[in-house]
N, C-alpha and C. Protein backbone atom coordinates (compact mmCIF):
# COMPACT_ATOMS: atom_id res chain seq x y z
N MET A 1 48.47 19.45 54.85
CA MET A 1 49.05 19.66 56.17
C MET A 1 48.45 20.91 56.74
N GLN A 2 48.23 21.95 56.00
CA GLN A 2 47.60 23.15 56.53
C GLN A 2 46.21 22.94 56.90
N ARG A 3 45.53 22.04 56.08
CA ARG A 3 44.10 21.76 56.39
C ARG A 3 43.98 21.13 57.81
N GLU A 4 44.91 20.17 58.07
CA GLU A 4 44.88 19.57 59.46
C GLU A 4 45.12 20.59 60.49
N ALA A 5 46.03 21.58 60.25
CA ALA A 5 46.28 22.62 61.27
C ALA A 5 45.06 23.44 61.47
N PHE A 6 44.27 23.77 60.42
CA PHE A 6 43.05 24.52 60.68
C PHE A 6 42.06 23.65 61.45
N ASP A 7 41.97 22.35 61.12
CA ASP A 7 41.05 21.47 61.80
C ASP A 7 41.48 21.37 63.22
N THR A 8 42.80 21.32 63.59
CA THR A 8 43.17 21.32 65.01
C THR A 8 42.82 22.47 65.76
N LEU A 9 42.87 23.66 65.09
CA LEU A 9 42.47 24.85 65.72
C LEU A 9 40.96 25.10 65.74
N GLY A 10 40.25 24.26 64.96
CA GLY A 10 38.78 24.37 64.91
C GLY A 10 38.29 25.56 64.14
N ILE A 11 38.94 25.98 63.09
CA ILE A 11 38.46 27.08 62.24
C ILE A 11 38.59 26.77 60.80
N GLU A 12 37.90 27.54 60.00
CA GLU A 12 37.89 27.36 58.54
C GLU A 12 39.29 27.99 58.01
N PRO A 13 39.76 27.48 56.88
CA PRO A 13 41.06 27.99 56.36
C PRO A 13 40.98 29.48 56.12
N THR A 14 41.93 30.23 56.56
CA THR A 14 42.00 31.70 56.42
C THR A 14 43.43 32.14 56.50
N ILE A 15 43.64 33.42 55.97
CA ILE A 15 44.98 33.93 56.11
C ILE A 15 44.93 35.15 57.13
N ASP A 16 43.84 35.24 57.85
CA ASP A 16 43.68 36.25 58.83
C ASP A 16 44.51 35.86 60.10
N GLY A 17 45.59 36.54 60.34
CA GLY A 17 46.42 36.13 61.47
C GLY A 17 45.73 36.32 62.83
N ARG A 18 44.87 37.30 62.96
CA ARG A 18 44.14 37.53 64.24
C ARG A 18 43.13 36.36 64.48
N ALA A 19 42.50 35.92 63.44
CA ALA A 19 41.53 34.81 63.66
C ALA A 19 42.31 33.52 64.08
N ILE A 20 43.46 33.28 63.42
CA ILE A 20 44.28 32.14 63.84
C ILE A 20 44.74 32.22 65.24
N ARG A 21 45.15 33.37 65.66
CA ARG A 21 45.73 33.59 67.04
C ARG A 21 44.58 33.43 68.06
N ALA A 22 43.36 33.92 67.74
CA ALA A 22 42.26 33.93 68.61
C ALA A 22 41.87 32.42 68.85
N ALA A 23 41.90 31.65 67.71
CA ALA A 23 41.54 30.23 67.88
C ALA A 23 42.56 29.55 68.75
N PHE A 24 43.86 29.87 68.57
CA PHE A 24 44.93 29.21 69.37
C PHE A 24 44.74 29.64 70.90
N VAL A 25 44.46 30.87 71.14
CA VAL A 25 44.28 31.29 72.48
C VAL A 25 43.10 30.61 73.22
N ARG A 26 42.01 30.47 72.45
CA ARG A 26 40.81 29.77 72.94
C ARG A 26 41.22 28.30 73.31
N ILE A 27 41.96 27.60 72.51
CA ILE A 27 42.34 26.25 72.82
C ILE A 27 43.33 26.23 73.98
N ALA A 28 44.26 27.22 74.04
CA ALA A 28 45.21 27.25 75.14
C ALA A 28 44.52 27.45 76.53
N ARG A 29 43.43 28.29 76.48
CA ARG A 29 42.70 28.48 77.69
C ARG A 29 41.99 27.19 78.21
N ILE A 30 41.65 26.35 77.26
CA ILE A 30 40.98 25.08 77.60
C ILE A 30 41.93 24.04 78.07
N TYR A 31 43.11 23.88 77.35
CA TYR A 31 43.97 22.72 77.59
C TYR A 31 45.30 23.10 78.10
N HIS A 32 45.50 24.32 78.66
CA HIS A 32 46.79 24.65 79.29
C HIS A 32 47.09 23.69 80.46
N PRO A 33 48.35 23.21 80.59
CA PRO A 33 48.67 22.20 81.62
C PRO A 33 48.46 22.73 83.02
N ASP A 34 48.48 24.02 83.27
CA ASP A 34 48.39 24.55 84.63
C ASP A 34 46.89 24.28 85.12
N ARG A 35 45.99 24.17 84.28
CA ARG A 35 44.61 23.99 84.63
C ARG A 35 44.35 22.51 85.13
N PHE A 36 45.30 21.56 84.75
CA PHE A 36 45.16 20.13 85.03
C PHE A 36 46.17 19.66 85.97
N ALA A 37 46.72 20.56 86.75
CA ALA A 37 47.82 20.22 87.67
C ALA A 37 47.40 19.15 88.73
N ASP A 38 46.15 19.23 89.19
CA ASP A 38 45.68 18.35 90.22
C ASP A 38 44.87 17.22 89.70
N GLN A 39 44.82 17.02 88.39
CA GLN A 39 43.99 15.97 87.72
C GLN A 39 44.83 14.70 87.62
N PRO A 40 44.14 13.61 87.34
CA PRO A 40 44.89 12.28 87.14
C PRO A 40 45.88 12.38 85.95
N ASP A 41 46.81 11.47 86.00
CA ASP A 41 47.92 11.46 84.98
C ASP A 41 47.33 11.37 83.51
N ASP A 42 46.38 10.52 83.29
CA ASP A 42 45.82 10.36 81.94
C ASP A 42 45.21 11.63 81.33
N VAL A 43 44.53 12.36 82.31
CA VAL A 43 43.89 13.65 81.86
C VAL A 43 44.93 14.70 81.58
N ARG A 44 45.94 14.80 82.44
CA ARG A 44 47.07 15.71 82.18
C ARG A 44 47.77 15.42 80.85
N LYS A 45 48.05 14.14 80.58
CA LYS A 45 48.71 13.81 79.37
C LYS A 45 47.91 14.13 78.18
N GLU A 46 46.60 13.88 78.18
CA GLU A 46 45.71 14.22 77.11
C GLU A 46 45.69 15.74 76.87
N ALA A 47 45.62 16.53 77.90
CA ALA A 47 45.63 17.99 77.83
C ALA A 47 46.96 18.46 77.23
N GLU A 48 48.05 17.89 77.65
CA GLU A 48 49.33 18.24 77.16
C GLU A 48 49.53 17.91 75.62
N ARG A 49 48.94 16.71 75.24
CA ARG A 49 48.94 16.34 73.80
C ARG A 49 48.22 17.29 72.96
N ARG A 50 46.96 17.68 73.41
CA ARG A 50 46.17 18.62 72.67
C ARG A 50 46.83 19.96 72.61
N MET A 51 47.46 20.37 73.68
CA MET A 51 48.18 21.70 73.70
C MET A 51 49.31 21.63 72.73
N LYS A 52 50.05 20.55 72.72
CA LYS A 52 51.17 20.49 71.80
C LYS A 52 50.71 20.53 70.33
N GLU A 53 49.59 19.87 70.02
CA GLU A 53 49.07 19.81 68.63
C GLU A 53 48.65 21.29 68.22
N ALA A 54 47.97 21.94 69.13
CA ALA A 54 47.49 23.30 68.86
C ALA A 54 48.66 24.27 68.69
N SER A 55 49.75 24.12 69.50
CA SER A 55 50.96 24.97 69.32
C SER A 55 51.62 24.67 68.03
N ALA A 56 51.70 23.39 67.64
CA ALA A 56 52.40 23.07 66.37
C ALA A 56 51.54 23.65 65.16
N ALA A 57 50.24 23.46 65.27
CA ALA A 57 49.33 23.97 64.25
C ALA A 57 49.47 25.57 64.11
N TYR A 58 49.47 26.19 65.23
CA TYR A 58 49.59 27.60 65.33
C TYR A 58 50.83 28.08 64.68
N GLU A 59 52.03 27.40 65.05
CA GLU A 59 53.30 27.80 64.46
C GLU A 59 53.34 27.56 62.95
N LEU A 60 52.83 26.51 62.46
CA LEU A 60 52.80 26.16 61.06
C LEU A 60 52.04 27.29 60.26
N LEU A 61 50.88 27.58 60.77
CA LEU A 61 50.06 28.60 60.10
C LEU A 61 50.58 29.99 60.21
N ARG A 62 51.28 30.28 61.26
CA ARG A 62 51.97 31.61 61.47
C ARG A 62 53.14 31.74 60.46
N ALA A 63 53.93 30.62 60.31
CA ALA A 63 55.01 30.61 59.39
C ALA A 63 54.49 30.75 57.95
N SER A 64 53.43 30.01 57.59
CA SER A 64 52.92 30.11 56.26
C SER A 64 52.41 31.43 55.90
N ASN A 65 51.76 32.11 56.90
CA ASN A 65 51.28 33.47 56.65
C ASN A 65 52.44 34.43 56.45
N LYS A 66 53.52 34.25 57.18
CA LYS A 66 54.61 35.15 57.01
C LYS A 66 55.22 34.92 55.64
N ALA A 67 55.33 33.70 55.18
CA ALA A 67 55.84 33.40 53.82
C ALA A 67 55.00 33.94 52.71
N ILE A 68 53.68 33.84 52.88
CA ILE A 68 52.67 34.38 51.92
C ILE A 68 52.81 35.93 51.84
N GLN A 69 52.97 36.55 53.01
CA GLN A 69 53.01 38.04 53.00
C GLN A 69 54.35 38.56 52.46
N SER A 70 55.44 37.76 52.56
CA SER A 70 56.69 38.16 51.99
C SER A 70 56.88 37.70 50.54
N GLY A 71 55.89 37.02 49.99
CA GLY A 71 55.91 36.59 48.61
C GLY A 71 56.71 35.34 48.29
N GLN A 72 57.00 34.62 49.42
CA GLN A 72 57.73 33.33 49.24
C GLN A 72 56.70 32.20 49.14
N THR A 73 57.23 31.01 48.80
CA THR A 73 56.33 29.85 48.84
C THR A 73 56.79 28.85 49.85
N ILE A 74 55.85 28.25 50.55
CA ILE A 74 56.19 27.26 51.47
C ILE A 74 56.03 25.82 50.93
N LEU A 75 55.56 25.80 49.65
CA LEU A 75 55.47 24.51 49.00
C LEU A 75 56.80 24.08 48.47
N ASN A 76 57.11 22.82 48.70
CA ASN A 76 58.40 22.26 48.21
C ASN A 76 58.09 21.17 47.17
N ASP A 77 57.02 21.24 46.58
CA ASP A 77 56.47 20.19 45.66
C ASP A 77 57.27 20.33 44.27
N LYS A 78 58.06 19.36 43.99
CA LYS A 78 58.87 19.42 42.71
C LYS A 78 57.87 19.32 41.50
N ASP A 79 56.85 18.53 41.63
CA ASP A 79 55.92 18.37 40.53
C ASP A 79 55.18 19.71 40.28
N LEU A 80 54.81 20.37 41.30
CA LEU A 80 54.13 21.67 41.12
C LEU A 80 55.06 22.69 40.47
N GLN A 81 56.30 22.73 40.88
CA GLN A 81 57.32 23.60 40.30
C GLN A 81 57.55 23.26 38.83
N GLU A 82 57.57 22.03 38.51
CA GLU A 82 57.74 21.59 37.13
C GLU A 82 56.63 21.99 36.24
N ARG A 83 55.38 21.85 36.79
CA ARG A 83 54.22 22.29 36.10
C ARG A 83 54.19 23.72 35.78
N ALA A 84 54.62 24.47 36.87
CA ALA A 84 54.74 25.94 36.71
C ALA A 84 55.71 26.33 35.59
N ARG A 85 56.81 25.65 35.58
CA ARG A 85 57.82 25.96 34.59
C ARG A 85 57.31 25.66 33.16
N LYS A 86 56.65 24.54 33.02
CA LYS A 86 56.08 24.17 31.65
C LYS A 86 55.03 25.16 31.27
N TYR A 87 54.24 25.66 32.28
CA TYR A 87 53.25 26.64 31.90
C TYR A 87 53.89 27.96 31.47
N ARG A 88 54.92 28.36 32.14
CA ARG A 88 55.62 29.63 31.68
C ARG A 88 56.20 29.44 30.38
N GLU A 89 56.74 28.28 29.99
CA GLU A 89 57.35 28.07 28.68
C GLU A 89 56.26 28.04 27.62
N ALA A 90 55.15 27.42 27.95
CA ALA A 90 54.04 27.44 26.93
C ALA A 90 53.52 28.80 26.64
N MET A 91 53.43 29.54 27.70
CA MET A 91 52.97 31.05 27.57
C MET A 91 53.93 31.86 26.73
N GLU A 92 55.20 31.59 26.92
CA GLU A 92 56.25 32.33 26.14
C GLU A 92 56.18 31.89 24.65
N VAL A 93 55.98 30.59 24.36
CA VAL A 93 55.85 30.14 22.95
C VAL A 93 54.62 30.78 22.34
N ARG A 94 53.54 30.80 23.10
CA ARG A 94 52.26 31.45 22.67
C ARG A 94 52.46 32.93 22.32
N ARG A 95 53.18 33.63 23.27
CA ARG A 95 53.41 35.05 23.04
C ARG A 95 54.16 35.33 21.77
N ARG A 96 55.22 34.50 21.56
CA ARG A 96 56.11 34.71 20.36
C ARG A 96 55.26 34.39 19.05
N GLU A 97 54.42 33.35 19.07
CA GLU A 97 53.58 33.03 17.99
C GLU A 97 52.58 34.24 17.64
N GLU A 98 52.10 34.78 18.68
CA GLU A 98 51.07 35.90 18.44
C GLU A 98 51.85 37.11 17.90
N GLU A 99 53.08 37.37 18.35
CA GLU A 99 53.88 38.41 17.74
C GLU A 99 54.17 38.24 16.31
N ARG A 100 54.51 36.96 15.92
CA ARG A 100 54.73 36.65 14.52
C ARG A 100 53.50 36.80 13.65
N ASN A 101 52.37 36.40 14.18
CA ASN A 101 51.08 36.50 13.46
C ASN A 101 50.72 37.98 13.32
N ARG A 102 50.96 38.78 14.39
CA ARG A 102 50.57 40.22 14.27
C ARG A 102 51.49 40.90 13.21
N ALA A 103 52.79 40.55 13.18
CA ALA A 103 53.66 41.09 12.17
C ALA A 103 53.23 40.73 10.75
N ARG A 104 52.87 39.46 10.58
CA ARG A 104 52.41 38.99 9.25
C ARG A 104 51.12 39.71 8.81
N TRP A 105 50.20 39.90 9.81
CA TRP A 105 48.95 40.61 9.46
C TRP A 105 49.22 42.04 9.06
N LEU A 106 50.20 42.66 9.84
CA LEU A 106 50.45 44.08 9.50
C LEU A 106 51.07 44.12 8.07
N ARG A 107 51.97 43.19 7.71
CA ARG A 107 52.52 43.22 6.39
C ARG A 107 51.43 43.14 5.27
N TRP A 108 50.57 42.13 5.52
CA TRP A 108 49.48 41.98 4.52
C TRP A 108 48.58 43.19 4.42
N GLU A 109 48.32 43.82 5.53
CA GLU A 109 47.46 44.99 5.45
C GLU A 109 48.14 46.11 4.69
N ALA A 110 49.50 46.25 4.92
CA ALA A 110 50.19 47.30 4.20
C ALA A 110 50.22 47.01 2.68
N ILE A 111 50.38 45.70 2.36
CA ILE A 111 50.36 45.30 0.85
C ILE A 111 49.01 45.57 0.25
N GLU A 112 47.96 45.18 0.99
CA GLU A 112 46.61 45.34 0.48
C GLU A 112 46.22 46.85 0.34
N LYS A 113 46.69 47.67 1.31
CA LYS A 113 46.41 49.02 1.29
C LYS A 113 47.10 49.73 0.08
N GLU A 114 48.34 49.30 -0.16
CA GLU A 114 49.13 49.85 -1.27
C GLU A 114 48.43 49.51 -2.60
N ALA A 115 48.01 48.21 -2.68
CA ALA A 115 47.32 47.76 -3.94
C ALA A 115 46.00 48.51 -4.12
N ARG A 116 45.22 48.73 -3.06
CA ARG A 116 44.03 49.48 -3.20
C ARG A 116 44.23 50.93 -3.62
N GLU A 117 45.23 51.55 -2.98
CA GLU A 117 45.57 52.95 -3.33
C GLU A 117 45.98 53.04 -4.81
N ARG A 118 46.82 52.04 -5.26
CA ARG A 118 47.28 52.12 -6.66
C ARG A 118 46.12 51.91 -7.64
N ALA A 119 45.23 50.93 -7.30
CA ALA A 119 44.14 50.72 -8.20
C ALA A 119 43.23 51.93 -8.24
N GLU A 120 43.00 52.56 -7.04
CA GLU A 120 42.06 53.75 -7.09
C GLU A 120 42.75 54.89 -7.85
N ALA A 121 44.00 55.11 -7.68
CA ALA A 121 44.65 56.21 -8.42
C ALA A 121 44.63 55.98 -9.97
N GLU A 122 44.84 54.73 -10.34
CA GLU A 122 44.81 54.39 -11.72
C GLU A 122 43.44 54.45 -12.35
N SER A 123 42.43 54.15 -11.48
CA SER A 123 41.01 54.24 -11.95
C SER A 123 40.63 55.65 -12.10
N VAL A 124 41.14 56.58 -11.23
CA VAL A 124 40.85 57.98 -11.37
C VAL A 124 41.45 58.50 -12.69
N LEU A 125 42.68 58.13 -12.89
CA LEU A 125 43.35 58.58 -14.20
C LEU A 125 42.62 58.09 -15.45
N ALA A 126 42.20 56.78 -15.33
CA ALA A 126 41.53 56.21 -16.53
C ALA A 126 40.21 56.89 -16.73
N ALA A 127 39.45 57.15 -15.64
CA ALA A 127 38.21 57.85 -15.76
C ALA A 127 38.35 59.26 -16.36
N ALA A 128 39.47 59.97 -15.88
CA ALA A 128 39.70 61.25 -16.50
C ALA A 128 39.98 61.13 -17.93
N ALA A 129 40.79 60.10 -18.39
CA ALA A 129 41.14 59.97 -19.81
C ALA A 129 39.90 59.66 -20.53
N MET A 130 39.01 58.83 -20.04
CA MET A 130 37.79 58.44 -20.75
C MET A 130 36.90 59.66 -20.87
N ARG A 131 36.73 60.43 -19.85
CA ARG A 131 35.90 61.60 -19.91
C ARG A 131 36.38 62.56 -20.98
N GLU A 132 37.66 62.77 -20.98
CA GLU A 132 38.24 63.79 -21.95
C GLU A 132 38.07 63.21 -23.43
N GLY A 133 38.31 61.96 -23.56
CA GLY A 133 38.28 61.36 -24.89
C GLY A 133 36.91 60.72 -25.27
N GLY A 134 36.01 60.55 -24.37
CA GLY A 134 34.73 59.92 -24.69
C GLY A 134 34.92 58.46 -25.04
N VAL A 135 35.92 57.81 -24.41
CA VAL A 135 36.20 56.35 -24.72
C VAL A 135 35.83 55.55 -23.57
N TYR A 136 35.28 54.41 -23.87
CA TYR A 136 34.95 53.42 -22.84
C TYR A 136 35.60 52.09 -23.20
N THR A 137 36.33 51.61 -22.26
CA THR A 137 36.99 50.32 -22.40
C THR A 137 36.69 49.43 -21.19
N GLU A 138 36.97 48.19 -21.25
CA GLU A 138 36.83 47.29 -20.14
C GLU A 138 37.70 47.78 -18.96
N PRO A 139 37.17 47.70 -17.72
CA PRO A 139 38.00 48.14 -16.58
C PRO A 139 39.18 47.23 -16.39
N ALA A 140 40.26 47.83 -15.84
CA ALA A 140 41.46 47.10 -15.58
C ALA A 140 41.29 46.08 -14.50
N PRO A 141 42.07 45.01 -14.61
CA PRO A 141 42.00 44.00 -13.45
C PRO A 141 42.55 44.61 -12.18
N VAL A 142 42.10 44.13 -11.01
CA VAL A 142 42.58 44.66 -9.72
C VAL A 142 43.87 43.90 -9.42
N ALA A 143 44.78 44.58 -8.77
CA ALA A 143 46.03 44.00 -8.42
C ALA A 143 45.82 42.89 -7.37
N ARG A 144 46.58 41.79 -7.60
CA ARG A 144 46.42 40.65 -6.62
C ARG A 144 47.89 40.31 -6.15
N ALA A 145 47.93 39.84 -4.86
CA ALA A 145 49.18 39.38 -4.32
C ALA A 145 49.51 38.00 -4.86
N THR A 146 50.80 37.74 -5.12
CA THR A 146 51.12 36.44 -5.68
C THR A 146 51.03 35.45 -4.61
N HIS A 147 50.65 34.19 -4.91
CA HIS A 147 50.51 33.11 -3.97
C HIS A 147 51.68 32.15 -4.05
N ASN A 148 52.42 32.11 -5.16
CA ASN A 148 53.47 31.11 -5.33
C ASN A 148 54.77 31.75 -4.96
N ARG A 149 54.94 32.09 -3.61
CA ARG A 149 56.13 32.73 -3.16
C ARG A 149 56.92 31.67 -2.38
N ARG A 150 58.22 31.78 -2.40
CA ARG A 150 59.03 30.93 -1.58
C ARG A 150 59.04 31.53 -0.14
N ALA A 151 59.28 30.63 0.88
CA ALA A 151 59.34 31.15 2.24
C ALA A 151 60.50 32.17 2.39
N GLY A 152 60.23 33.20 3.03
CA GLY A 152 61.25 34.23 3.33
C GLY A 152 61.37 35.29 2.28
N ASP A 153 60.69 35.09 1.09
CA ASP A 153 60.60 36.16 0.07
C ASP A 153 59.79 37.30 0.55
N ALA A 154 60.13 38.55 0.13
CA ALA A 154 59.29 39.60 0.46
C ALA A 154 58.06 39.52 -0.37
N LYS A 155 56.92 39.96 0.22
CA LYS A 155 55.66 39.92 -0.55
C LYS A 155 55.67 40.96 -1.68
N ARG A 156 55.25 40.62 -2.87
CA ARG A 156 55.24 41.60 -3.90
C ARG A 156 53.98 41.30 -4.73
N LEU A 157 53.62 42.33 -5.51
CA LEU A 157 52.47 42.18 -6.42
C LEU A 157 52.85 41.52 -7.70
N GLU A 158 51.89 40.89 -8.37
CA GLU A 158 52.12 40.35 -9.71
C GLU A 158 52.50 41.51 -10.70
N SER A 159 53.24 41.13 -11.66
CA SER A 159 53.64 42.15 -12.69
C SER A 159 52.45 42.62 -13.49
N LYS A 160 51.38 41.75 -13.55
CA LYS A 160 50.19 42.22 -14.28
C LYS A 160 49.36 43.08 -13.45
N THR A 161 49.60 44.34 -13.46
CA THR A 161 48.91 45.32 -12.61
C THR A 161 47.99 46.18 -13.46
N PRO A 162 47.12 47.07 -12.91
CA PRO A 162 46.32 47.86 -13.76
C PRO A 162 47.02 48.84 -14.64
N SER A 163 48.36 49.05 -14.47
CA SER A 163 49.08 49.99 -15.33
C SER A 163 48.91 49.70 -16.71
N ALA A 164 49.03 48.41 -17.14
CA ALA A 164 48.94 48.02 -18.56
C ALA A 164 47.51 48.49 -19.11
N GLY A 165 46.47 48.16 -18.34
CA GLY A 165 45.16 48.50 -18.81
C GLY A 165 44.98 50.02 -18.90
N LEU A 166 45.59 50.68 -17.96
CA LEU A 166 45.46 52.14 -17.97
C LEU A 166 46.19 52.74 -19.16
N GLN A 167 47.40 52.19 -19.48
CA GLN A 167 48.06 52.70 -20.66
C GLN A 167 47.29 52.48 -21.93
N GLN A 168 46.62 51.30 -21.99
CA GLN A 168 45.79 51.13 -23.19
C GLN A 168 44.67 52.08 -23.27
N ARG A 169 44.01 52.42 -22.16
CA ARG A 169 42.95 53.40 -22.17
C ARG A 169 43.47 54.73 -22.59
N ILE A 170 44.57 55.16 -22.07
CA ILE A 170 45.13 56.50 -22.36
C ILE A 170 45.51 56.49 -23.83
N GLU A 171 46.13 55.42 -24.41
CA GLU A 171 46.39 55.42 -25.81
C GLU A 171 45.14 55.49 -26.68
N ALA A 172 44.08 54.76 -26.24
CA ALA A 172 42.90 54.80 -26.99
C ALA A 172 42.21 56.14 -26.96
N ALA A 173 42.33 56.83 -25.80
CA ALA A 173 41.79 58.21 -25.75
C ALA A 173 42.62 59.14 -26.66
N ARG A 174 43.96 58.97 -26.66
CA ARG A 174 44.77 59.87 -27.55
C ARG A 174 44.44 59.64 -29.07
N ARG A 175 44.27 58.30 -29.34
CA ARG A 175 43.91 58.00 -30.80
C ARG A 175 42.65 58.63 -31.16
N PHE A 176 41.62 58.51 -30.20
CA PHE A 176 40.26 59.06 -30.50
C PHE A 176 40.37 60.57 -30.65
N GLU A 177 41.18 61.25 -29.82
CA GLU A 177 41.32 62.68 -29.89
C GLU A 177 42.01 63.08 -31.31
N ALA A 178 43.05 62.27 -31.69
CA ALA A 178 43.69 62.59 -32.94
C ALA A 178 42.79 62.39 -34.12
N ALA A 179 41.88 61.27 -34.00
CA ALA A 179 40.93 61.08 -35.12
C ALA A 179 39.92 62.15 -35.22
N LYS A 180 39.51 62.67 -33.98
CA LYS A 180 38.56 63.76 -34.01
C LYS A 180 39.16 65.04 -34.62
N LYS A 181 40.41 65.28 -34.31
CA LYS A 181 41.10 66.47 -34.86
C LYS A 181 41.13 66.30 -36.43
N GLU A 182 41.58 65.13 -36.82
CA GLU A 182 41.70 64.88 -38.32
C GLU A 182 40.34 65.10 -39.03
N GLU A 183 39.29 64.60 -38.39
CA GLU A 183 37.92 64.76 -38.96
C GLU A 183 37.59 66.22 -39.03
N ALA A 184 37.88 67.00 -38.02
CA ALA A 184 37.54 68.42 -37.90
C ALA A 184 38.31 69.11 -39.03
N GLU A 185 39.66 68.73 -39.19
CA GLU A 185 40.47 69.38 -40.17
C GLU A 185 40.02 69.10 -41.57
N ALA A 186 39.59 67.85 -41.81
CA ALA A 186 39.05 67.45 -43.14
C ALA A 186 37.83 68.24 -43.44
N ALA A 187 36.88 68.34 -42.40
CA ALA A 187 35.61 69.11 -42.61
C ALA A 187 35.90 70.57 -42.95
N ARG A 188 36.86 71.09 -42.26
CA ARG A 188 37.24 72.54 -42.45
C ARG A 188 37.74 72.72 -43.93
N LYS A 189 38.66 71.81 -44.32
CA LYS A 189 39.19 71.96 -45.68
C LYS A 189 38.05 71.77 -46.74
N LYS A 190 37.20 70.79 -46.48
CA LYS A 190 36.08 70.56 -47.41
C LYS A 190 35.22 71.86 -47.58
N SER A 191 34.84 72.49 -46.39
CA SER A 191 34.04 73.64 -46.41
C SER A 191 34.72 74.81 -47.11
N GLU A 192 36.12 74.88 -46.95
CA GLU A 192 36.85 75.92 -47.62
C GLU A 192 36.83 75.71 -49.17
N ASN A 193 36.97 74.47 -49.62
CA ASN A 193 36.97 74.11 -51.04
C ASN A 193 35.60 74.41 -51.63
N GLU A 194 34.55 74.12 -50.89
CA GLU A 194 33.18 74.38 -51.38
C GLU A 194 33.01 75.88 -51.51
N ALA A 195 33.52 76.65 -50.49
CA ALA A 195 33.38 78.13 -50.55
C ALA A 195 34.15 78.68 -51.69
N ARG A 196 35.24 78.14 -52.07
CA ARG A 196 36.02 78.59 -53.19
C ARG A 196 35.28 78.35 -54.53
N THR A 197 34.77 77.12 -54.62
CA THR A 197 34.11 76.72 -55.89
C THR A 197 32.83 77.51 -56.03
N ASN A 198 32.20 77.91 -54.99
CA ASN A 198 30.96 78.75 -55.08
C ASN A 198 31.34 80.15 -55.60
N LYS A 199 32.48 80.62 -55.13
CA LYS A 199 32.90 81.98 -55.60
C LYS A 199 33.21 81.98 -57.05
N VAL A 200 33.72 80.95 -57.57
CA VAL A 200 34.13 80.94 -58.92
C VAL A 200 32.90 80.69 -59.76
């Protein structure tokens, strides 16, 4: 309907009120009834018809411009309103899904960070124990998140963490240190016995 109004005024679609008014004034100067007062009836009627069409087109476009500037809609199309409602609902569903995904990713990042920090701390302790005791053992397995969780359960690490491997390393280092001390003590006693026998 607006397209026909612009065609009636002879201009391209625009929301420029001054351009619409200028087009209407130009048509009014051509087809105003006062200019055709002394013309035959058919000419006067045609001028009046064109003037009425131009006035109706100008009023429609002026009303639609006012509605656009005030933020209202002049469309009364139920199908368009229904499509807009469905679009808003779909966007809301998408927003909620993105929020859920973001929360899930943040939880996984926190779990992975905690597992990495624990593994690094235990590796440092194990390396220190091995350096002090001169013991080398197989590295401990890295912590992994469980996959067989029920929905809604809090995420947790498997019970088989590097702590067990670290305890084994520390115990091995302690045993090694104790064996070294025993050997040193035995060597000292042996040298003392030899020294005594030499004196005698």
